[in-house]
Amino acid sequence: MSSAKWADAPQGLADRLPLDAIAEALTDHGWWVGDDALPPDLTARLRAELDRLEDEDRLRRAGIGRETDYQLARDVRRDRIRWLNRESAVQAELLDFAGALKDRLNRALFLGLFEFEGHFALYPEGAFYRTHYDSFRGAANRLVSLVLFLNPDWQPDHGGELVLYADDETTERARIAPLDGRLVLFLSEEIPHEVRPTHAPRRSVAGWYRLNTSIGGQIDPPR
């Protein structure tokens, strides 16, 4: 989609997405892929923000697990991340988009999504993320995962595909190249997936829509 077409569209960014198609895809097979999902100038500014964070040495090696179970595991994943926190205008713009999309998904699918959490992710050359789920089955803390790719001029031999698997974690259901502006949504508890080894720096935003599972004075999501 050209920049001019984006400029002429009166509605908000989330309103431009094909909600009926997204809802049907998530219900039918558990994922949706959309190209040119956000304006090129926004993906360019997000990419520049990620590059700035890298230059300032503010990216950190990603781990697995949560809170007391958190650990670094280079045999599982080798990306570097920084959580989104509205420290810049472009981060706030993206989080506003994610919030508006949450509201649309709730209206269409009655999911009860509470909030979005996400981070920038940089996969240096040779990095990967082995097959995993974004949420343990039955945990109900992450329901819908979101990935936005920030890679102009990506070539097939660069690798780095997002691969979605069937329940057996070996049968491929989709292999998605990380093309600039491509947005992927999938069910966090239902879709095992991996990031294939990359042969060029691979940039993205990755995150999840969570439920509010606070109970008995224990706050979840934690603040």
C-alpha atoms as a PDB file:
ATOM      1  CA  MET A   1       0.000   0.000   0.000  1.00  0.00           C
ATOM      2  CA  SER A   2       1.451   3.391  -0.977  1.00  0.00           C
ATOM      3  CA  SER A   3       2.082   6.221   1.469  1.00  0.00           C
ATOM      4  CA  ALA A   4      -0.464   8.346  -0.401  1.00  0.00           C
ATOM      5  CA  LYS A   5      -3.184   5.771   0.164  1.00  0.00           C
ATOM      6  CA  TRP A   6      -2.358   5.703   3.870  1.00  0.00           C
ATOM      7  CA  ALA A   7      -2.529   9.494   4.029  1.00  0.00           C
ATOM      8  CA  ASP A   8      -5.933   9.519   2.352  1.00  0.00           C
ATOM      9  CA  ALA A   9      -7.466   6.950   4.713  1.00  0.00           C
ATOM     10  CA  PRO A  10      -9.486   8.741   7.431  1.00  0.00           C
ATOM     11  CA  GLN A  11      -9.806   5.950   9.980  1.00  0.00           C
ATOM     12  CA  GLY A  12      -7.350   4.884  12.673  1.00  0.00           C
ATOM     13  CA  LEU A  13      -4.643   2.346  11.902  1.00  0.00           C
ATOM     14  CA  ALA A  14      -6.416  -0.562  13.593  1.00  0.00           C
ATOM     15  CA  ASP A  15      -9.665   0.286  11.796  1.00  0.00           C
ATOM     16  CA  ARG A  16      -7.962  -0.238   8.440  1.00  0.00           C
ATOM     17  CA  LEU A  17      -7.292  -3.903   9.120  1.00  0.00           C
ATOM     18  CA  PRO A  18      -9.808  -6.427   7.698  1.00  0.00           C
ATOM     19  CA  LEU A  19     -11.392  -7.465  10.984  1.00  0.00           C
ATOM     20  CA  ASP A  20     -13.822  -9.962   9.468  1.00  0.00           C
ATOM     21  CA  ALA A  21     -10.991 -11.777   7.686  1.00  0.00           C
ATOM     22  CA  ILE A  22      -8.857 -11.730  10.840  1.00  0.00           C
ATOM     23  CA  ALA A  23     -11.675 -13.130  12.975  1.00  0.00           C
ATOM     24  CA  GLU A  24     -12.462 -15.845  10.420  1.00  0.00           C
ATOM     25  CA  ALA A  25      -8.806 -16.865  10.113  1.00  0.00           C
ATOM     26  CA  LEU A  26      -8.215 -17.021  13.871  1.00  0.00           C
ATOM     27  CA  THR A  27     -11.391 -19.061  14.322  1.00  0.00           C
ATOM     28  CA  ASP A  28     -10.760 -21.356  11.357  1.00  0.00           C
ATOM     29  CA  HIS A  29      -7.077 -22.250  11.669  1.00  0.00           C
ATOM     30  CA  GLY A  30      -5.604 -20.067  14.406  1.00  0.00           C
ATOM     31  CA  TRP A  31      -3.534 -17.477  12.534  1.00  0.00           C
ATOM     32  CA  TRP A  32      -3.729 -14.538  10.139  1.00  0.00           C
ATOM     33  CA  VAL A  33      -1.086 -12.846   7.988  1.00  0.00           C
ATOM     34  CA  GLY A  34      -1.489  -9.385   6.477  1.00  0.00           C
ATOM     35  CA  ASP A  35       0.935  -7.456   4.275  1.00  0.00           C
ATOM     36  CA  ASP A  36       1.355  -3.665   4.356  1.00  0.00           C
ATOM     37  CA  ALA A  37      -0.549  -3.738   7.626  1.00  0.00           C
ATOM     38  CA  LEU A  38       0.936  -0.451   8.843  1.00  0.00           C
ATOM     39  CA  PRO A  39       2.135   2.632   6.947  1.00  0.00           C
ATOM     40  CA  PRO A  40       5.691   2.426   5.547  1.00  0.00           C
ATOM     41  CA  ASP A  41       6.737   5.562   7.415  1.00  0.00           C
ATOM     42  CA  LEU A  42       5.700   3.981  10.730  1.00  0.00           C
ATOM     43  CA  THR A  43       7.627   0.761  10.103  1.00  0.00           C
ATOM     44  CA  ALA A  44      10.628   2.872   9.064  1.00  0.00           C
ATOM     45  CA  ARG A  45      10.459   4.870  12.298  1.00  0.00           C
ATOM     46  CA  LEU A  46      10.107   1.694  14.347  1.00  0.00           C
ATOM     47  CA  ARG A  47      13.139   0.246  12.590  1.00  0.00           C
ATOM     48  CA  ALA A  48      15.097   3.432  13.270  1.00  0.00           C
ATOM     49  CA  GLU A  49      14.061   3.241  16.936  1.00  0.00           C
ATOM     50  CA  LEU A  50      15.298  -0.336  17.186  1.00  0.00           C
ATOM     51  CA  ASP A  51      18.578   0.607  15.511  1.00  0.00           C
ATOM     52  CA  ARG A  52      18.978   3.497  17.957  1.00  0.00           C
ATOM     53  CA  LEU A  53      18.442   1.179  20.911  1.00  0.00           C
ATOM     54  CA  GLU A  54      21.028  -1.190  19.484  1.00  0.00           C
ATOM     55  CA  ASP A  55      23.531   1.636  18.974  1.00  0.00           C
ATOM     56  CA  GLU A  56      23.002   2.727  22.587  1.00  0.00           C
ATOM     57  CA  ASP A  57      23.555  -0.853  23.810  1.00  0.00           C
ATOM     58  CA  ARG A  58      20.072  -1.008  25.302  1.00  0.00           C
ATOM     59  CA  LEU A  59      19.071  -4.387  23.870  1.00  0.00           C
ATOM     60  CA  ARG A  60      19.426  -7.382  26.157  1.00  0.00           C
ATOM     61  CA  ARG A  61      19.749 -11.090  25.500  1.00  0.00           C
ATOM     62  CA  ALA A  62      16.324 -12.696  25.670  1.00  0.00           C
ATOM     63  CA  GLY A  63      15.618 -15.629  27.959  1.00  0.00           C
ATOM     64  CA  ILE A  64      12.895 -18.157  28.605  1.00  0.00           C
ATOM     65  CA  GLY A  65      10.526 -18.547  31.550  1.00  0.00           C
ATOM     66  CA  ARG A  66       9.024 -15.921  33.792  1.00  0.00           C
ATOM     67  CA  GLU A  67      10.032 -14.235  37.045  1.00  0.00           C
ATOM     68  CA  THR A  68      11.801 -16.839  39.274  1.00  0.00           C
ATOM     69  CA  ASP A  69      11.846 -19.370  36.401  1.00  0.00           C
ATOM     70  CA  TYR A  70      13.560 -16.938  34.008  1.00  0.00           C
ATOM     71  CA  GLN A  71      16.836 -18.099  32.487  1.00  0.00           C
ATOM     72  CA  LEU A  72      19.066 -17.452  29.507  1.00  0.00           C
ATOM     73  CA  ALA A  73      19.195 -20.422  27.139  1.00  0.00           C
ATOM     74  CA  ARG A  74      21.300 -19.882  24.039  1.00  0.00           C
ATOM     75  CA  ASP A  75      20.426 -23.338  22.749  1.00  0.00           C
ATOM     76  CA  VAL A  76      16.757 -22.234  22.630  1.00  0.00           C
ATOM     77  CA  ARG A  77      16.868 -18.585  21.517  1.00  0.00           C
ATOM     78  CA  ARG A  78      19.488 -16.034  20.570  1.00  0.00           C
ATOM     79  CA  ASP A  79      17.565 -12.835  19.950  1.00  0.00           C
ATOM     80  CA  ARG A  80      18.084  -9.551  21.766  1.00  0.00           C
ATOM     81  CA  ILE A  81      15.115  -7.521  22.969  1.00  0.00           C
ATOM     82  CA  ARG A  82      13.868  -4.349  24.615  1.00  0.00           C
ATOM     83  CA  TRP A  83      10.365  -4.057  26.032  1.00  0.00           C
ATOM     84  CA  LEU A  84       8.089  -1.339  24.678  1.00  0.00           C
ATOM     85  CA  ASN A  85       7.424   1.321  27.292  1.00  0.00           C
ATOM     86  CA  ARG A  86       6.278   4.560  25.575  1.00  0.00           C
ATOM     87  CA  GLU A  87       9.693   6.150  26.052  1.00  0.00           C
ATOM     88  CA  SER A  88       9.405   7.594  22.540  1.00  0.00           C
ATOM     89  CA  ALA A  89       6.615   8.901  20.334  1.00  0.00           C
ATOM     90  CA  VAL A  90       6.869   5.984  17.916  1.00  0.00           C
ATOM     91  CA  GLN A  91       6.623   3.422  20.721  1.00  0.00           C
ATOM     92  CA  ALA A  92       3.519   5.197  22.012  1.00  0.00           C
ATOM     93  CA  GLU A  93       2.049   5.210  18.501  1.00  0.00           C
ATOM     94  CA  LEU A  94       2.553   1.475  18.139  1.00  0.00           C
ATOM     95  CA  LEU A  95       1.135   0.727  21.587  1.00  0.00           C
ATOM     96  CA  ASP A  96      -1.903   2.886  20.796  1.00  0.00           C
ATOM     97  CA  PHE A  97      -2.419   0.845  17.620  1.00  0.00           C
ATOM     98  CA  ALA A  98      -2.113  -2.406  19.593  1.00  0.00           C
ATOM     99  CA  GLY A  99      -4.638  -1.154  22.132  1.00  0.00           C
ATOM    100  CA  ALA A 100      -7.141  -0.181  19.446  1.00  0.00           C
ATOM    101  CA  LEU A 101      -6.699  -3.571  17.785  1.00  0.00           C
ATOM    102  CA  LYS A 102      -7.340  -5.247  21.160  1.00  0.00           C
ATOM    103  CA  ASP A 103     -10.683  -3.466  21.394  1.00  0.00           C
ATOM    104  CA  ARG A 104     -11.653  -4.547  17.878  1.00  0.00           C
ATOM    105  CA  LEU A 105     -10.695  -8.172  18.542  1.00  0.00           C
ATOM    106  CA  ASN A 106     -12.713  -8.171  21.748  1.00  0.00           C
ATOM    107  CA  ARG A 107     -15.778  -6.851  19.962  1.00  0.00           C
ATOM    108  CA  ALA A 108     -15.464  -9.383  17.150  1.00  0.00           C
ATOM    109  CA  LEU A 109     -14.465 -12.504  19.073  1.00  0.00           C
ATOM    110  CA  PHE A 110     -15.443 -11.798  22.724  1.00  0.00           C
ATOM    111  CA  LEU A 111     -11.941 -12.797  23.864  1.00  0.00           C
ATOM    112  CA  GLY A 112     -11.751 -10.634  26.972  1.00  0.00           C
ATOM    113  CA  LEU A 113      -8.255  -9.406  26.103  1.00  0.00           C
ATOM    114  CA  PHE A 114      -6.972  -7.125  28.850  1.00  0.00           C
ATOM    115  CA  GLU A 115      -3.725  -5.573  27.656  1.00  0.00           C
ATOM    116  CA  PHE A 116      -0.869  -5.818  25.190  1.00  0.00           C
ATOM    117  CA  GLU A 117       2.766  -6.325  26.142  1.00  0.00           C
ATOM    118  CA  GLY A 118       5.510  -6.401  23.560  1.00  0.00           C
ATOM    119  CA  HIS A 119       9.133  -5.821  22.747  1.00  0.00           C
ATOM    120  CA  PHE A 120      11.503  -5.037  19.930  1.00  0.00           C
ATOM    121  CA  ALA A 121      13.431  -8.112  18.794  1.00  0.00           C
ATOM    122  CA  LEU A 122      16.711  -8.182  16.912  1.00  0.00           C
ATOM    123  CA  TYR A 123      17.998 -11.491  15.584  1.00  0.00           C
ATOM    124  CA  PRO A 124      21.665 -11.055  14.629  1.00  0.00           C
ATOM    125  CA  GLU A 125      23.042 -13.189  11.836  1.00  0.00           C
ATOM    126  CA  GLY A 126      22.897 -16.829  12.924  1.00  0.00           C
ATOM    127  CA  ALA A 127      20.227 -16.268  15.607  1.00  0.00           C
ATOM    128  CA  PHE A 128      17.103 -18.401  15.990  1.00  0.00           C
ATOM    129  CA  TYR A 129      14.298 -19.333  18.385  1.00  0.00           C
ATOM    130  CA  ARG A 130      13.507 -23.040  18.691  1.00  0.00           C
ATOM    131  CA  THR A 131       9.947 -24.379  18.513  1.00  0.00           C
ATOM    132  CA  HIS A 132       7.828 -23.199  21.430  1.00  0.00           C
ATOM    133  CA  TYR A 133       4.411 -21.946  22.509  1.00  0.00           C
ATOM    134  CA  ASP A 134       3.904 -18.359  23.638  1.00  0.00           C
ATOM    135  CA  SER A 135       1.639 -19.573  26.446  1.00  0.00           C
ATOM    136  CA  PHE A 136       1.310 -22.879  28.265  1.00  0.00           C
ATOM    137  CA  ARG A 137      -1.972 -24.601  27.439  1.00  0.00           C
ATOM    138  CA  GLY A 138      -4.611 -23.774  30.026  1.00  0.00           C
ATOM    139  CA  ALA A 139      -2.589 -20.944  31.532  1.00  0.00           C
ATOM    140  CA  ALA A 140      -4.806 -18.363  29.767  1.00  0.00           C
ATOM    141  CA  ASN A 141      -2.304 -15.585  30.394  1.00  0.00           C
ATOM    142  CA  ARG A 142      -1.504 -14.958  26.726  1.00  0.00           C
ATOM    143  CA  LEU A 143      -4.255 -15.508  24.191  1.00  0.00           C
ATOM    144  CA  VAL A 144      -3.249 -13.827  20.927  1.00  0.00           C
ATOM    145  CA  SER A 145       0.327 -13.268  19.767  1.00  0.00           C
ATOM    146  CA  LEU A 146       1.347 -10.435  17.437  1.00  0.00           C
ATOM    147  CA  VAL A 147       4.456 -10.092  15.272  1.00  0.00           C
ATOM    148  CA  LEU A 148       5.236  -7.072  13.095  1.00  0.00           C
ATOM    149  CA  PHE A 149       8.246  -7.384  10.789  1.00  0.00           C
ATOM    150  CA  LEU A 150      10.617  -4.473  10.110  1.00  0.00           C
ATOM    151  CA  ASN A 151      12.837  -5.767   7.290  1.00  0.00           C
ATOM    152  CA  PRO A 152      12.904  -3.915   3.961  1.00  0.00           C
ATOM    153  CA  ASP A 153      14.556  -5.657   1.012  1.00  0.00           C
ATOM    154  CA  TRP A 154      14.423  -9.053   2.729  1.00  0.00           C
ATOM    155  CA  GLN A 155      15.597 -11.847   0.421  1.00  0.00           C
ATOM    156  CA  PRO A 156      14.638 -15.559   0.457  1.00  0.00           C
ATOM    157  CA  ASP A 157      18.220 -16.603   1.201  1.00  0.00           C
ATOM    158  CA  HIS A 158      18.208 -14.462   4.361  1.00  0.00           C
ATOM    159  CA  GLY A 159      16.193 -17.176   6.150  1.00  0.00           C
ATOM    160  CA  GLY A 160      14.615 -16.086   9.425  1.00  0.00           C
ATOM    161  CA  GLU A 161      11.130 -17.350   8.574  1.00  0.00           C
ATOM    162  CA  LEU A 162       8.447 -17.650  11.230  1.00  0.00           C
ATOM    163  CA  VAL A 163       7.244 -21.252  10.968  1.00  0.00           C
ATOM    164  CA  LEU A 164       3.872 -22.265  12.416  1.00  0.00           C
ATOM    165  CA  TYR A 165       3.386 -25.948  13.243  1.00  0.00           C
ATOM    166  CA  ALA A 166       0.564 -28.376  13.927  1.00  0.00           C
ATOM    167  CA  ASP A 167       0.116 -29.841  17.410  1.00  0.00           C
ATOM    168  CA  ASP A 168       2.790 -32.463  16.749  1.00  0.00           C
ATOM    169  CA  GLU A 169       5.333 -29.583  16.521  1.00  0.00           C
ATOM    170  CA  THR A 170       6.839 -31.046  13.339  1.00  0.00           C
ATOM    171  CA  THR A 171       4.186 -30.669  10.607  1.00  0.00           C
ATOM    172  CA  GLU A 172       4.482 -27.225   9.018  1.00  0.00           C
ATOM    173  CA  ARG A 173       1.259 -25.297   8.639  1.00  0.00           C
ATOM    174  CA  ALA A 174       2.768 -22.011   7.437  1.00  0.00           C
ATOM    175  CA  ARG A 175       6.214 -20.600   6.689  1.00  0.00           C
ATOM    176  CA  ILE A 176       6.150 -16.795   6.828  1.00  0.00           C
ATOM    177  CA  ALA A 177       8.969 -14.617   5.516  1.00  0.00           C
ATOM    178  CA  PRO A 178       9.700 -11.571   7.731  1.00  0.00           C
ATOM    179  CA  LEU A 179       8.872  -8.949   5.097  1.00  0.00           C
ATOM    180  CA  ASP A 180       8.660  -5.295   6.081  1.00  0.00           C
ATOM    181  CA  GLY A 181       5.178  -4.264   7.226  1.00  0.00           C
ATOM    182  CA  ARG A 182       3.888  -7.837   7.424  1.00  0.00           C
ATOM    183  CA  LEU A 183       1.696  -8.425  10.485  1.00  0.00           C
ATOM    184  CA  VAL A 184       1.013 -11.873  11.943  1.00  0.00           C
ATOM    185  CA  LEU A 185      -1.596 -12.743  14.572  1.00  0.00           C
ATOM    186  CA  PHE A 186      -1.960 -16.243  16.021  1.00  0.00           C
ATOM    187  CA  LEU A 187      -3.421 -18.035  19.028  1.00  0.00           C
ATOM    188  CA  SER A 188      -0.737 -18.140  21.713  1.00  0.00           C
ATOM    189  CA  GLU A 189      -1.823 -21.396  23.371  1.00  0.00           C
ATOM    190  CA  GLU A 190      -2.629 -23.276  20.169  1.00  0.00           C
ATOM    191  CA  ILE A 191       0.181 -22.642  17.686  1.00  0.00           C
ATOM    192  CA  PRO A 192       3.706 -24.004  18.263  1.00  0.00           C
ATOM    193  CA  HIS A 193       6.176 -21.982  16.213  1.00  0.00           C
ATOM    194  CA  GLU A 194       9.825 -21.172  15.675  1.00  0.00           C
ATOM    195  CA  VAL A 195      12.079 -18.568  14.094  1.00  0.00           C
ATOM    196  CA  ARG A 196      14.426 -20.208  11.629  1.00  0.00           C
ATOM    197  CA  PRO A 197      18.133 -19.274  11.704  1.00  0.00           C
ATOM    198  CA  THR A 198      18.670 -15.938  10.052  1.00  0.00           C
ATOM    199  CA  HIS A 199      21.467 -15.045   7.647  1.00  0.00           C
ATOM    200  CA  ALA A 200      20.979 -11.283   7.948  1.00  0.00           C
ATOM    201  CA  PRO A 201      19.916  -9.050  10.866  1.00  0.00           C
ATOM    202  CA  ARG A 202      16.178  -9.622  11.388  1.00  0.00           C
ATOM    203  CA  ARG A 203      14.071  -6.947  13.097  1.00  0.00           C
ATOM    204  CA  SER A 204      10.546  -7.182  14.473  1.00  0.00           C
ATOM    205  CA  VAL A 205       8.112  -6.245  17.176  1.00  0.00           C
ATOM    206  CA  ALA A 206       6.705  -9.248  19.048  1.00  0.00           C
ATOM    207  CA  GLY A 207       4.048  -9.246  21.731  1.00  0.00           C
ATOM    208  CA  TRP A 208       0.940 -10.767  23.240  1.00  0.00           C
ATOM    209  CA  TYR A 209      -2.568  -9.875  24.269  1.00  0.00           C
ATOM    210  CA  ARG A 210      -3.140 -11.017  27.835  1.00  0.00           C
ATOM    211  CA  LEU A 211      -6.079 -11.690  30.095  1.00  0.00           C
ATOM    212  CA  ASN A 212      -6.413 -10.068  33.486  1.00  0.00           C
ATOM    213  CA  THR A 213      -5.931 -13.074  35.779  1.00  0.00           C
ATOM    214  CA  SER A 214      -5.433 -11.148  39.024  1.00  0.00           C
ATOM    215  CA  ILE A 215      -6.851 -13.070  41.969  1.00  0.00           C
ATOM    216  CA  GLY A 216      -6.545 -13.071  45.755  1.00  0.00           C
ATOM    217  CA  GLY A 217      -4.512  -9.879  45.798  1.00  0.00           C
ATOM    218  CA  GLN A 218      -1.908 -11.272  43.381  1.00  0.00           C
ATOM    219  CA  ILE A 219      -1.594  -8.940  40.399  1.00  0.00           C
ATOM    220  CA  ASP A 220      -1.350 -10.644  37.009  1.00  0.00           C
ATOM    221  CA  PRO A 221      -0.172  -9.238  34.674  1.00  0.00           C
ATOM    222  CA  PRO A 222       2.475  -7.954  37.135  1.00  0.00           C
ATOM    223  CA  ARG A 223       3.117  -4.206  37.174  1.00  0.00           C
END
